[in-house]
Protein backbone atom coordinates (compact mmCIF):
# COMPACT_ATOMS: atom_id res chain seq x y z
CA UNK A 1 -46.27 56.18 85.56
CA UNK A 2 -45.81 55.36 82.10
CA UNK A 3 -43.15 53.03 80.54
CA UNK A 4 -40.99 54.87 78.33
CA UNK A 5 -41.44 54.52 74.97
CA UNK A 6 -39.33 51.53 72.95
CA UNK A 7 -40.90 51.31 69.81
CA UNK A 8 -38.89 48.46 68.72
CA UNK A 9 -39.88 46.33 72.04
CA UNK A 10 -43.22 47.08 71.40
CA UNK A 11 -43.05 45.72 67.27
CA UNK A 12 -41.83 42.30 69.22
CA UNK A 13 -44.57 42.03 71.57
CA UNK A 14 -47.17 42.94 68.80
CA UNK A 15 -45.49 39.70 67.17
CA UNK A 16 -45.58 38.36 69.96
CA UNK A 17 -48.80 38.91 70.75
CA UNK A 18 -50.18 37.65 67.05
CA UNK A 19 -48.38 34.15 67.48
CA UNK A 20 -50.57 33.63 70.87
CA UNK A 21 -53.54 35.06 69.50
CA UNK A 22 -52.79 32.32 66.88
CA UNK A 23 -52.20 29.37 69.50
CA UNK A 24 -55.73 30.51 70.91
CA UNK A 25 -57.61 30.49 67.88
CA UNK A 26 -55.78 26.43 67.12
CA UNK A 27 -57.22 25.67 70.53
CA UNK A 28 -60.75 27.50 69.80
CA UNK A 29 -61.15 25.72 66.84
CA UNK A 30 -60.60 22.17 68.49
CA UNK A 31 -62.51 22.41 71.15
CA UNK A 32 -65.38 24.15 69.50
CA UNK A 33 -65.05 20.50 67.40
CA UNK A 34 -64.68 18.05 70.43
CA UNK A 35 -67.61 19.98 72.13
CA UNK A 36 -69.51 23.38 71.16
CA UNK A 37 -69.00 26.54 70.24
CA UNK A 38 -71.19 27.79 73.81
CA UNK A 39 -69.27 25.65 75.84
CA UNK A 40 -65.83 26.97 74.74
CA UNK A 41 -66.81 30.43 74.76
CA UNK A 42 -68.68 30.21 78.21
CA UNK A 43 -66.04 28.69 80.24
CA UNK A 44 -63.63 31.78 78.10
CA UNK A 45 -65.26 34.50 79.66
CA UNK A 46 -66.02 32.80 83.47
CA UNK A 47 -62.52 32.69 83.52
CA UNK A 48 -62.42 36.40 82.30
CA UNK A 49 -64.76 37.39 84.80
CA UNK A 50 -63.07 35.84 87.60
CA UNK A 51 -59.86 37.61 86.53
CA UNK A 52 -61.30 41.22 85.74
CA UNK A 53 -63.42 40.77 89.46
CA UNK A 54 -59.77 39.87 91.26
CA UNK A 55 -57.81 43.13 89.61
CA UNK A 56 -60.79 45.19 90.51
CA UNK A 57 -60.95 44.18 94.13
CA UNK A 58 -56.85 45.24 93.98
CA UNK A 59 -57.63 48.36 92.71
CA UNK A 60 -58.53 51.76 94.91
CA UNK A 61 -62.43 51.67 94.93
CA UNK A 62 -62.71 48.07 94.15
CA UNK A 63 -65.77 46.61 92.44
CA UNK A 64 -68.02 50.18 93.13
CA UNK A 65 -65.19 51.99 90.80
CA UNK A 66 -65.19 49.10 88.51
CA UNK A 67 -69.09 49.42 87.97
CA UNK A 68 -68.51 53.43 87.78
CA UNK A 69 -68.79 53.90 84.05
CA UNK A 70 -70.73 57.01 82.32
CA UNK A 71 -71.76 54.72 79.32
CA UNK A 72 -73.25 51.68 81.11
CA UNK A 73 -75.34 51.18 77.89
CA UNK A 74 -72.51 51.46 75.80
CA UNK A 75 -69.78 49.07 77.75
CA UNK A 76 -73.45 46.85 78.21
CA UNK A 77 -72.95 46.69 74.34
CA UNK A 78 -69.38 46.05 74.07
CA UNK A 79 -70.00 42.58 75.85
CA UNK A 80 -72.82 41.53 74.17
CA UNK A 81 -71.04 42.18 70.75
CA UNK A 82 -67.48 40.70 71.93
CA UNK A 83 -69.66 37.45 72.73
CA UNK A 84 -71.41 37.18 69.58
CA UNK A 85 -67.94 37.86 67.60
CA UNK A 86 -65.93 34.71 69.47
CA UNK A 87 -68.74 32.72 68.90
CA UNK A 88 -69.31 33.62 65.05
CA UNK A 89 -65.33 33.19 64.95
CA UNK A 90 -65.02 29.59 66.75
CA UNK A 91 -68.27 28.37 64.42
CA UNK A 92 -66.22 29.79 61.40
CA UNK A 93 -62.68 27.89 62.58
CA UNK A 94 -64.58 25.04 63.01
CA UNK A 95 -66.85 24.73 59.37
CA UNK A 96 -64.47 27.24 57.22
CA UNK A 97 -61.35 26.49 58.77
CA UNK A 98 -58.61 28.60 60.86
CA UNK A 99 -56.89 30.37 57.09
CA UNK A 100 -59.95 31.09 55.54
CA UNK A 101 -61.39 32.71 58.46
CA UNK A 102 -58.50 34.90 58.83
CA UNK A 103 -58.17 35.71 55.37
CA UNK A 104 -61.96 37.39 55.58
CA UNK A 105 -61.58 39.18 59.19
CA UNK A 106 -58.34 40.97 57.89
CA UNK A 107 -60.70 43.31 56.32
CA UNK A 108 -61.93 44.33 60.10
CA UNK A 109 -59.21 47.48 59.66
CA UNK A 110 -61.30 48.66 56.53
CA UNK A 111 -64.75 48.27 58.59
CA UNK A 112 -63.31 50.31 61.41
CA UNK A 113 -62.48 53.05 58.80
CA UNK A 114 -65.35 53.21 56.72
CA UNK A 115 -67.53 53.06 60.31
CA UNK A 116 -64.99 56.03 62.19
CA UNK A 117 -67.15 58.35 60.67
CA UNK A 118 -70.74 57.90 61.50
CA UNK A 119 -69.60 56.12 64.82
CA UNK A 120 -66.90 58.58 66.11
CA UNK A 121 -68.17 61.77 63.72
CA UNK A 122 -63.91 61.43 62.26
CA UNK A 123 -63.57 62.45 59.00
CA UNK A 124 -62.99 59.71 56.35
CA UNK A 125 -60.97 61.32 53.43
CA UNK A 126 -61.11 59.68 49.93
CA UNK A 127 -57.92 57.95 50.32
CA UNK A 128 -59.51 56.03 52.78
CA UNK A 129 -62.53 55.04 51.22
CA UNK A 130 -60.73 53.92 47.99
CA UNK A 131 -58.55 51.54 50.37
CA UNK A 132 -61.99 50.15 51.65
CA UNK A 133 -63.18 49.66 48.34
CA UNK A 134 -60.08 47.75 47.26
CA UNK A 135 -60.47 45.51 50.45
CA UNK A 136 -63.54 44.38 49.25
CA UNK A 137 -62.43 43.77 46.14
CA UNK A 138 -59.79 41.85 47.80
CA UNK A 139 -62.65 40.02 49.78
CA UNK A 140 -64.66 39.02 46.55
CA UNK A 141 -61.35 37.32 45.60
CA UNK A 142 -61.29 35.33 48.67
CA UNK A 143 -64.80 34.54 48.47
CA UNK A 144 -64.98 33.92 45.01
CA UNK A 145 -68.60 33.47 44.71
CA UNK A 146 -68.75 32.73 40.94
CA UNK A 147 -66.53 29.98 41.53
CA UNK A 148 -68.84 27.54 42.56
CA UNK A 149 -67.17 27.03 45.63
CA UNK A 150 -68.62 29.79 47.88
CA UNK A 151 -69.40 28.80 51.16
CA UNK A 152 -72.10 30.20 53.28
CA UNK A 153 -70.14 30.22 56.51
CA UNK A 154 -67.53 32.98 54.80
CA UNK A 155 -70.05 35.07 55.62
CA UNK A 156 -69.51 34.16 59.12
CA UNK A 157 -66.02 35.59 59.75
CA UNK A 158 -67.14 39.12 57.86
CA UNK A 159 -70.09 39.65 60.27
CA UNK A 160 -67.75 38.75 63.40
CA UNK A 161 -65.08 41.83 61.79
CA UNK A 162 -68.03 44.17 61.35
CA UNK A 163 -68.80 43.59 65.04
CA UNK A 164 -65.28 43.49 66.52
CA UNK A 165 -65.02 46.97 63.93
CA UNK A 166 -67.88 48.11 65.90
CA UNK A 167 -66.70 46.53 69.15
CA UNK A 168 -63.29 48.81 68.66
CA UNK A 169 -65.18 51.77 67.88
CA UNK A 170 -67.45 52.06 70.78
CA UNK A 171 -64.30 51.19 73.22
CA UNK A 172 -62.49 54.52 71.94
CA UNK A 173 -65.85 56.28 72.17
CA UNK A 174 -66.39 55.24 75.90
CA UNK A 175 -62.93 55.64 76.68
CA UNK A 176 -63.67 59.86 76.44
CA UNK A 177 -64.78 59.34 80.08
CA UNK A 178 -64.52 55.78 80.96
CA UNK A 179 -60.76 54.48 81.99
CA UNK A 180 -59.68 51.31 80.47
CA UNK A 181 -60.12 49.23 83.49
CA UNK A 182 -63.34 50.06 83.64
CA UNK A 183 -64.29 48.88 80.24
CA UNK A 184 -61.89 45.58 80.76
CA UNK A 185 -64.28 44.89 83.92
CA UNK A 186 -67.59 45.47 82.02
CA UNK A 187 -66.22 43.33 79.20
CA UNK A 188 -65.66 40.39 81.16
CA UNK A 189 -68.56 40.70 83.63
CA UNK A 190 -71.33 41.35 80.83
CA UNK A 191 -69.79 38.50 78.20
CA UNK A 192 -70.12 35.86 81.56
CA UNK A 193 -73.39 37.19 82.11
CA UNK A 194 -74.50 36.90 78.36
CA UNK A 195 -72.82 33.59 77.62
CA UNK A 196 -73.84 31.78 81.00
CA UNK A 197 -77.35 30.93 79.77
CA UNK A 198 -76.21 29.44 76.20
CA UNK A 199 -73.28 27.40 77.51
CA UNK A 200 -75.74 25.64 80.50
CA UNK A 201 -77.87 25.16 78.00
CA UNK A 202 -75.12 23.21 75.51
CA UNK A 203 -73.22 22.01 78.26
CA UNK A 204 -71.81 18.58 78.06
CA UNK A 205 -68.60 16.31 79.10
CA UNK A 206 -65.33 17.39 78.25
CA UNK A 207 -62.41 14.89 78.36
CA UNK A 208 -59.62 15.36 80.76
CA UNK A 209 -57.58 16.31 77.63
CA UNK A 210 -59.74 18.23 76.54
CA UNK A 211 -60.26 19.98 79.82
CA UNK A 212 -56.40 20.47 79.72
CA UNK A 213 -56.08 22.78 76.69
CA UNK A 214 -59.60 24.57 77.76
CA UNK A 215 -57.29 25.90 80.80
CA UNK A 216 -54.22 26.45 78.00
CA UNK A 217 -57.10 28.16 76.46
CA UNK A 218 -58.07 30.34 79.13
CA UNK A 219 -54.00 31.17 79.82
CA UNK A 220 -53.20 32.43 76.38
CA UNK A 221 -56.23 34.99 76.58
CA UNK A 222 -54.73 36.14 79.42
CA UNK A 223 -51.05 36.38 78.38
CA UNK A 224 -52.41 37.36 74.90
CA UNK A 225 -53.85 40.70 76.44
CA UNK A 226 -50.99 41.22 78.82
CA UNK A 227 -48.73 41.37 76.05
CA UNK A 228 -50.82 43.39 74.21
CA UNK A 229 -51.37 45.99 77.06
CA UNK A 230 -47.92 46.05 77.30
CA UNK A 231 -47.23 46.23 73.36
CA UNK A 232 -49.23 49.56 73.43
CA UNK A 233 -47.89 50.64 76.84
CA UNK A 234 -44.52 50.63 75.39
CA UNK A 235 -45.43 52.16 71.74
CA UNK A 236 -47.80 54.17 69.73
CA UNK A 237 -50.63 52.29 68.32
CA UNK A 238 -50.23 53.45 64.77
CA UNK A 239 -46.45 52.32 64.86
CA UNK A 240 -47.19 48.54 66.35
CA UNK A 241 -50.59 48.01 64.70
CA UNK A 242 -49.62 46.87 61.21
CA UNK A 243 -47.24 43.42 62.73
CA UNK A 244 -50.77 42.23 64.16
CA UNK A 245 -51.34 40.97 61.09
CA UNK A 246 -48.56 38.53 61.34
CA UNK A 247 -51.58 36.57 62.99
CA UNK A 248 -52.55 35.57 59.27
CA UNK A 249 -49.23 33.70 58.65
CA UNK A 250 -49.15 32.24 62.19
CA UNK A 251 -52.78 31.27 62.01
CA UNK A 252 -52.13 29.59 58.72
CA UNK A 253 -49.03 27.56 59.58
CA UNK A 254 -50.83 26.08 62.42
CA UNK A 255 -54.02 25.25 59.65
CA UNK A 256 -51.40 23.46 57.44
CA UNK A 257 -49.51 21.44 60.42
CA UNK A 258 -52.70 20.72 62.82
CA UNK A 259 -55.91 20.29 61.03
CA UNK A 260 -54.50 19.46 57.09
CA UNK A 261 -55.75 22.62 55.85
CA UNK A 262 -54.86 23.93 52.14
CA UNK A 263 -54.37 27.43 50.99
CA UNK A 264 -55.78 28.09 47.63
CA UNK A 265 -54.75 30.39 45.38
CA UNK A 266 -57.29 32.81 45.69
CA UNK A 267 -57.49 33.24 49.61
CA UNK A 268 -53.43 33.99 48.71
CA UNK A 269 -54.23 36.61 46.46
CA UNK A 270 -57.33 37.93 48.11
CA UNK A 271 -55.37 37.96 51.52
CA UNK A 272 -52.98 40.21 49.95
CA UNK A 273 -54.76 42.82 48.85
CA UNK A 274 -57.15 43.25 51.72
CA UNK A 275 -53.85 43.06 53.72
CA UNK A 276 -52.46 45.96 51.87
CA UNK A 277 -55.18 47.96 52.13
CA UNK A 278 -55.34 47.46 55.75
CA UNK A 279 -51.82 48.55 56.03
CA UNK A 280 -52.47 51.62 53.73
CA UNK A 281 -55.45 52.59 55.93
CA UNK A 282 -52.81 52.32 59.34
CA UNK A 283 -50.53 54.18 57.22
CA UNK A 284 -52.87 57.40 56.62
CA UNK A 285 -53.66 56.99 60.02
CA UNK A 286 -49.99 57.11 61.49
CA UNK A 287 -49.65 60.00 59.08
CA UNK A 288 -52.46 62.41 59.96
CA UNK A 289 -51.46 61.83 63.90
CA UNK A 290 -47.85 62.97 63.09
CA UNK A 291 -49.47 66.09 61.30
CA UNK A 292 -51.45 66.89 64.14
CA UNK A 293 -48.91 66.58 66.69
CA UNK A 294 -46.94 68.96 64.52
CA UNK A 295 -49.66 71.55 64.06
């Protein structure tokens, strides 16, 4: 049975999810700098693999049902994309900082709109194409390529946003025949298998304090995804998705307080443009969904 709809609670859960994910990103930045990116991502996926396996064993059909995907190749591609996306983001956290990384990554809803046509066959109207164009102008403001301060590391969160957009669209594609539990299982298992060789190759000692933070990172990942699933269970995605942008101010606060990051004016203006364009595309999506139900 599905939970009764409660949009207000769904919104608050999405905001809480954004705060948890911001904390997760702060922990990832510290651990990626204290140890290395491959090791951090490997331990995260080991934890996730154990968790999804435990869920599968407790579900009807067990592991056989969890593996029974109608799209095994695409599910594998999803898991590998997520590994690469997380690795790029953690590198960007270390090299670029939390604030500028998330300012660039905020473009991913625009990339979803741009790619939904070729991947899912959805119609992308001229209004969404205009929003995508405006969003990329905001990206140029953030990157400031002519200002003498452009960093090649800024390309990392953009590449991560592109990968995450494709990951999300492939998730929607496989959902036509695979249950969410199957996709979740494949993500954890493929991710753990794919990243383990790199993690073992770059394994290094970690202090007791950092092991504690690593455990906290794994717990925040679990808590964040749990809150997100509950939020989507209580409210329509189009109604609560805009509140995911709260992660940007939350992560900016962490950048200020914990890592002494600064906020440049072009980053503020560019992020405002990108977020505004993203909110417009989400509004258009919700409008189309309402029109579809009315029809």
